[in-house]
Amino acid sequence: MLVTCAIEGVLLLVDLAEERVIGQVELEAEGSQDVVIDHDGAFAYVANSESGTVSVVEIGRMRLVRSIDAGGGPRGMALHPLADEIWVTNAETNSISIIDLESRNERVEFACGAMPVEVCFTPDGARAIVTNMQEGNVSIFDAST
């Protein structure tokens, strides 16, 4: 299991059977929150709300690969079920960033409702649903466009 430590800026790898930490990596960031694992299980992506970045961690070696600038205040993330991309909510800039997993770069950033905090996909990957905390509503996006 991967666990973020927001104040310390650390990602922990925990062995649940042994009930102990078996690896950790300094993210060189602040406000580490959501963590998403890619389709292959090789890399973890961590939203760092205070630093405005997404950390890329190679899980097998528990090492920081890079940090990606991602809007303002990245909070929630979701792995697209069919594509090699992660959608990131940016609470401070009221936007969504799409991170391309192949290039490990932000592909696009676009407007969303006020203070988007969580994102998820429909099982077929056709739509992304985002909760907008400040407005008390959701935005629904066609994930292909």
C-alpha atoms as a PDB file:
ATOM      1  CA  MET A   1       0.000   0.000   0.000  1.00  0.00           C
ATOM      2  CA  LEU A   2       1.192   3.533  -0.766  1.00  0.00           C
ATOM      3  CA  VAL A   3       0.535   6.261   1.802  1.00  0.00           C
ATOM      4  CA  THR A   4       1.153   9.999   1.468  1.00  0.00           C
ATOM      5  CA  CYS A   5       2.336  12.080   4.412  1.00  0.00           C
ATOM      6  CA  ALA A   6       1.181  15.633   3.666  1.00  0.00           C
ATOM      7  CA  ILE A   7       3.208  17.515   6.258  1.00  0.00           C
ATOM      8  CA  GLU A   8       6.434  15.546   5.786  1.00  0.00           C
ATOM      9  CA  GLY A   9       6.192  15.406   1.966  1.00  0.00           C
ATOM     10  CA  VAL A  10       6.945  11.682   1.955  1.00  0.00           C
ATOM     11  CA  LEU A  11       5.449   8.700   0.159  1.00  0.00           C
ATOM     12  CA  LEU A  12       5.528   5.453   2.163  1.00  0.00           C
ATOM     13  CA  LEU A  13       5.367   1.882   0.877  1.00  0.00           C
ATOM     14  CA  VAL A  14       3.659  -0.264   3.523  1.00  0.00           C
ATOM     15  CA  ASP A  15       3.611  -4.062   3.678  1.00  0.00           C
ATOM     16  CA  LEU A  16       0.144  -4.797   5.030  1.00  0.00           C
ATOM     17  CA  ALA A  17       0.914  -8.451   5.856  1.00  0.00           C
ATOM     18  CA  GLU A  18       3.972  -7.461   7.903  1.00  0.00           C
ATOM     19  CA  GLU A  19       2.326  -4.255   9.173  1.00  0.00           C
ATOM     20  CA  ARG A  20       5.442  -2.187   8.594  1.00  0.00           C
ATOM     21  CA  VAL A  21       6.930   0.463   6.315  1.00  0.00           C
ATOM     22  CA  ILE A  22       9.239  -1.157   3.774  1.00  0.00           C
ATOM     23  CA  GLY A  23      10.136   1.886   1.685  1.00  0.00           C
ATOM     24  CA  GLN A  24       9.868   5.640   1.540  1.00  0.00           C
ATOM     25  CA  VAL A  25      10.783   8.487  -0.752  1.00  0.00           C
ATOM     26  CA  GLU A  26      11.128  12.216  -0.102  1.00  0.00           C
ATOM     27  CA  LEU A  27       8.901  14.018  -2.607  1.00  0.00           C
ATOM     28  CA  GLU A  28      10.638  17.393  -2.266  1.00  0.00           C
ATOM     29  CA  ALA A  29       7.160  18.919  -2.121  1.00  0.00           C
ATOM     30  CA  GLU A  30       4.560  20.151   0.345  1.00  0.00           C
ATOM     31  CA  GLY A  31       0.943  19.153   0.861  1.00  0.00           C
ATOM     32  CA  SER A  32       1.179  15.652  -0.611  1.00  0.00           C
ATOM     33  CA  GLN A  33      -2.343  14.246  -0.874  1.00  0.00           C
ATOM     34  CA  ASP A  34      -3.785  11.928  -3.481  1.00  0.00           C
ATOM     35  CA  VAL A  35      -1.748   9.091  -4.974  1.00  0.00           C
ATOM     36  CA  VAL A  36      -2.541   7.190  -8.179  1.00  0.00           C
ATOM     37  CA  ILE A  37      -0.710   4.177  -9.614  1.00  0.00           C
ATOM     38  CA  ASP A  38      -0.345   3.767 -13.385  1.00  0.00           C
ATOM     39  CA  HIS A  39      -1.850   0.850 -15.324  1.00  0.00           C
ATOM     40  CA  ASP A  40       1.378  -1.206 -15.120  1.00  0.00           C
ATOM     41  CA  GLY A  41       1.863  -0.640 -11.394  1.00  0.00           C
ATOM     42  CA  ALA A  42       5.357   0.722 -12.023  1.00  0.00           C
ATOM     43  CA  PHE A  43       4.901   4.410 -11.199  1.00  0.00           C
ATOM     44  CA  ALA A  44       2.970   6.385  -8.610  1.00  0.00           C
ATOM     45  CA  TYR A  45       1.783   9.954  -9.131  1.00  0.00           C
ATOM     46  CA  VAL A  46       1.280  12.171  -6.076  1.00  0.00           C
ATOM     47  CA  ALA A  47      -0.639  15.481  -5.992  1.00  0.00           C
ATOM     48  CA  ASN A  48       1.216  18.111  -3.944  1.00  0.00           C
ATOM     49  CA  SER A  49      -1.292  20.884  -3.206  1.00  0.00           C
ATOM     50  CA  GLU A  50       1.076  23.341  -1.551  1.00  0.00           C
ATOM     51  CA  SER A  51       3.848  22.968  -4.137  1.00  0.00           C
ATOM     52  CA  GLY A  52       1.605  22.985  -7.216  1.00  0.00           C
ATOM     53  CA  THR A  53       3.206  19.830  -8.563  1.00  0.00           C
ATOM     54  CA  VAL A  54       2.622  16.162  -9.240  1.00  0.00           C
ATOM     55  CA  SER A  55       5.492  13.910  -8.142  1.00  0.00           C
ATOM     56  CA  VAL A  56       6.380  10.865 -10.239  1.00  0.00           C
ATOM     57  CA  VAL A  57       7.789   7.972  -8.189  1.00  0.00           C
ATOM     58  CA  GLU A  58       9.238   4.703  -9.503  1.00  0.00           C
ATOM     59  CA  ILE A  59       7.651   2.242  -7.080  1.00  0.00           C
ATOM     60  CA  GLY A  60      10.125  -0.645  -7.477  1.00  0.00           C
ATOM     61  CA  ARG A  61      13.073   1.510  -6.434  1.00  0.00           C
ATOM     62  CA  MET A  62      11.075   4.032  -4.374  1.00  0.00           C
ATOM     63  CA  ARG A  63      12.802   6.944  -6.051  1.00  0.00           C
ATOM     64  CA  LEU A  64      11.546  10.320  -7.206  1.00  0.00           C
ATOM     65  CA  VAL A  65      11.736  10.479 -11.004  1.00  0.00           C
ATOM     66  CA  ARG A  66      10.505  14.031 -11.534  1.00  0.00           C
ATOM     67  CA  SER A  67       8.032  16.714 -10.525  1.00  0.00           C
ATOM     68  CA  ILE A  68       5.463  18.026 -12.985  1.00  0.00           C
ATOM     69  CA  ASP A  69       3.971  21.527 -12.712  1.00  0.00           C
ATOM     70  CA  ALA A  70       0.200  21.112 -12.567  1.00  0.00           C
ATOM     71  CA  GLY A  71      -1.957  24.183 -12.167  1.00  0.00           C
ATOM     72  CA  GLY A  72      -2.503  25.632  -8.721  1.00  0.00           C
ATOM     73  CA  GLY A  73      -3.182  23.465  -5.718  1.00  0.00           C
ATOM     74  CA  PRO A  74      -3.431  19.958  -7.178  1.00  0.00           C
ATOM     75  CA  ARG A  75      -5.714  17.906  -4.937  1.00  0.00           C
ATOM     76  CA  GLY A  76      -7.593  14.971  -6.433  1.00  0.00           C
ATOM     77  CA  MET A  77      -6.464  12.625  -9.203  1.00  0.00           C
ATOM     78  CA  ALA A  78      -7.881   9.794 -11.258  1.00  0.00           C
ATOM     79  CA  LEU A  79      -6.316   7.392 -13.721  1.00  0.00           C
ATOM     80  CA  HIS A  80      -8.298   7.181 -16.951  1.00  0.00           C
ATOM     81  CA  PRO A  81      -9.482   3.559 -17.179  1.00  0.00           C
ATOM     82  CA  LEU A  82      -8.573   3.174 -20.874  1.00  0.00           C
ATOM     83  CA  ALA A  83      -5.993   5.858 -21.668  1.00  0.00           C
ATOM     84  CA  ASP A  84      -2.492   6.581 -20.393  1.00  0.00           C
ATOM     85  CA  GLU A  85      -3.439   9.797 -18.623  1.00  0.00           C
ATOM     86  CA  ILE A  86      -4.213  11.104 -15.173  1.00  0.00           C
ATOM     87  CA  TRP A  87      -6.653  13.917 -14.552  1.00  0.00           C
ATOM     88  CA  VAL A  88      -5.697  16.272 -11.710  1.00  0.00           C
ATOM     89  CA  THR A  89      -8.003  18.778  -9.995  1.00  0.00           C
ATOM     90  CA  ASN A  90      -6.419  22.172  -9.285  1.00  0.00           C
ATOM     91  CA  ALA A  91      -8.367  23.737  -6.410  1.00  0.00           C
ATOM     92  CA  GLU A  92      -6.633  27.133  -6.459  1.00  0.00           C
ATOM     93  CA  THR A  93      -6.879  27.802 -10.204  1.00  0.00           C
ATOM     94  CA  ASN A  94     -10.300  26.152 -10.750  1.00  0.00           C
ATOM     95  CA  SER A  95      -8.893  23.934 -13.446  1.00  0.00           C
ATOM     96  CA  ILE A  96      -8.133  20.365 -14.486  1.00  0.00           C
ATOM     97  CA  SER A  97      -4.694  19.239 -15.684  1.00  0.00           C
ATOM     98  CA  ILE A  98      -4.301  16.150 -17.825  1.00  0.00           C
ATOM     99  CA  ILE A  99      -0.946  14.425 -17.296  1.00  0.00           C
ATOM    100  CA  ASP A 100       0.268  12.236 -20.163  1.00  0.00           C
ATOM    101  CA  LEU A 101       1.799   9.099 -18.633  1.00  0.00           C
ATOM    102  CA  GLU A 102       4.082   8.380 -21.583  1.00  0.00           C
ATOM    103  CA  SER A 103       5.798  11.783 -21.663  1.00  0.00           C
ATOM    104  CA  ARG A 104       5.157  12.495 -17.958  1.00  0.00           C
ATOM    105  CA  ASN A 105       4.147  16.055 -18.836  1.00  0.00           C
ATOM    106  CA  GLU A 106       1.014  18.124 -18.518  1.00  0.00           C
ATOM    107  CA  ARG A 107      -0.760  17.771 -21.869  1.00  0.00           C
ATOM    108  CA  VAL A 108      -3.475  20.355 -21.275  1.00  0.00           C
ATOM    109  CA  GLU A 109      -5.078  22.437 -18.546  1.00  0.00           C
ATOM    110  CA  PHE A 110      -8.680  23.631 -18.823  1.00  0.00           C
ATOM    111  CA  ALA A 111     -11.264  25.476 -16.723  1.00  0.00           C
ATOM    112  CA  CYS A 112     -13.555  23.777 -14.256  1.00  0.00           C
ATOM    113  CA  GLY A 113     -16.006  24.856 -11.535  1.00  0.00           C
ATOM    114  CA  ALA A 114     -14.970  26.667  -8.353  1.00  0.00           C
ATOM    115  CA  MET A 115     -12.513  24.688  -6.214  1.00  0.00           C
ATOM    116  CA  PRO A 116     -12.493  21.272  -7.896  1.00  0.00           C
ATOM    117  CA  VAL A 117     -11.315  18.703  -5.368  1.00  0.00           C
ATOM    118  CA  GLU A 118     -12.116  15.163  -6.559  1.00  0.00           C
ATOM    119  CA  VAL A 119     -12.367  13.501  -9.951  1.00  0.00           C
ATOM    120  CA  CYS A 120     -13.471  10.076 -11.142  1.00  0.00           C
ATOM    121  CA  PHE A 121     -14.312   8.404 -14.443  1.00  0.00           C
ATOM    122  CA  THR A 122     -17.294   6.419 -15.587  1.00  0.00           C
ATOM    123  CA  PRO A 123     -16.245   2.757 -16.012  1.00  0.00           C
ATOM    124  CA  ASP A 124     -16.115   3.116 -19.806  1.00  0.00           C
ATOM    125  CA  GLY A 125     -13.869   6.189 -19.530  1.00  0.00           C
ATOM    126  CA  ALA A 126     -16.289   8.295 -21.566  1.00  0.00           C
ATOM    127  CA  ARG A 127     -16.898  10.912 -18.875  1.00  0.00           C
ATOM    128  CA  ALA A 128     -14.995  12.521 -16.041  1.00  0.00           C
ATOM    129  CA  ILE A 129     -16.977  13.709 -13.033  1.00  0.00           C
ATOM    130  CA  VAL A 130     -15.500  16.458 -10.853  1.00  0.00           C
ATOM    131  CA  THR A 131     -16.795  17.741  -7.508  1.00  0.00           C
ATOM    132  CA  ASN A 132     -16.602  21.524  -7.109  1.00  0.00           C
ATOM    133  CA  MET A 133     -16.410  22.224  -3.391  1.00  0.00           C
ATOM    134  CA  GLN A 134     -17.005  25.976  -3.448  1.00  0.00           C
ATOM    135  CA  GLU A 135     -20.061  25.712  -5.721  1.00  0.00           C
ATOM    136  CA  GLY A 136     -21.488  22.567  -4.142  1.00  0.00           C
ATOM    137  CA  ASN A 137     -21.978  20.893  -7.520  1.00  0.00           C
ATOM    138  CA  VAL A 138     -20.304  18.627 -10.051  1.00  0.00           C
ATOM    139  CA  SER A 139     -18.904  19.172 -13.534  1.00  0.00           C
ATOM    140  CA  ILE A 140     -19.211  16.400 -16.105  1.00  0.00           C
ATOM    141  CA  PHE A 141     -16.728  16.336 -18.985  1.00  0.00           C
ATOM    142  CA  ASP A 142     -16.610  14.350 -22.194  1.00  0.00           C
ATOM    143  CA  ALA A 143     -13.222  12.705 -21.621  1.00  0.00           C
ATOM    144  CA  SER A 144     -12.519  12.323 -25.340  1.00  0.00           C
ATOM    145  CA  THR A 145     -12.796  16.028 -26.091  1.00  0.00           C
END
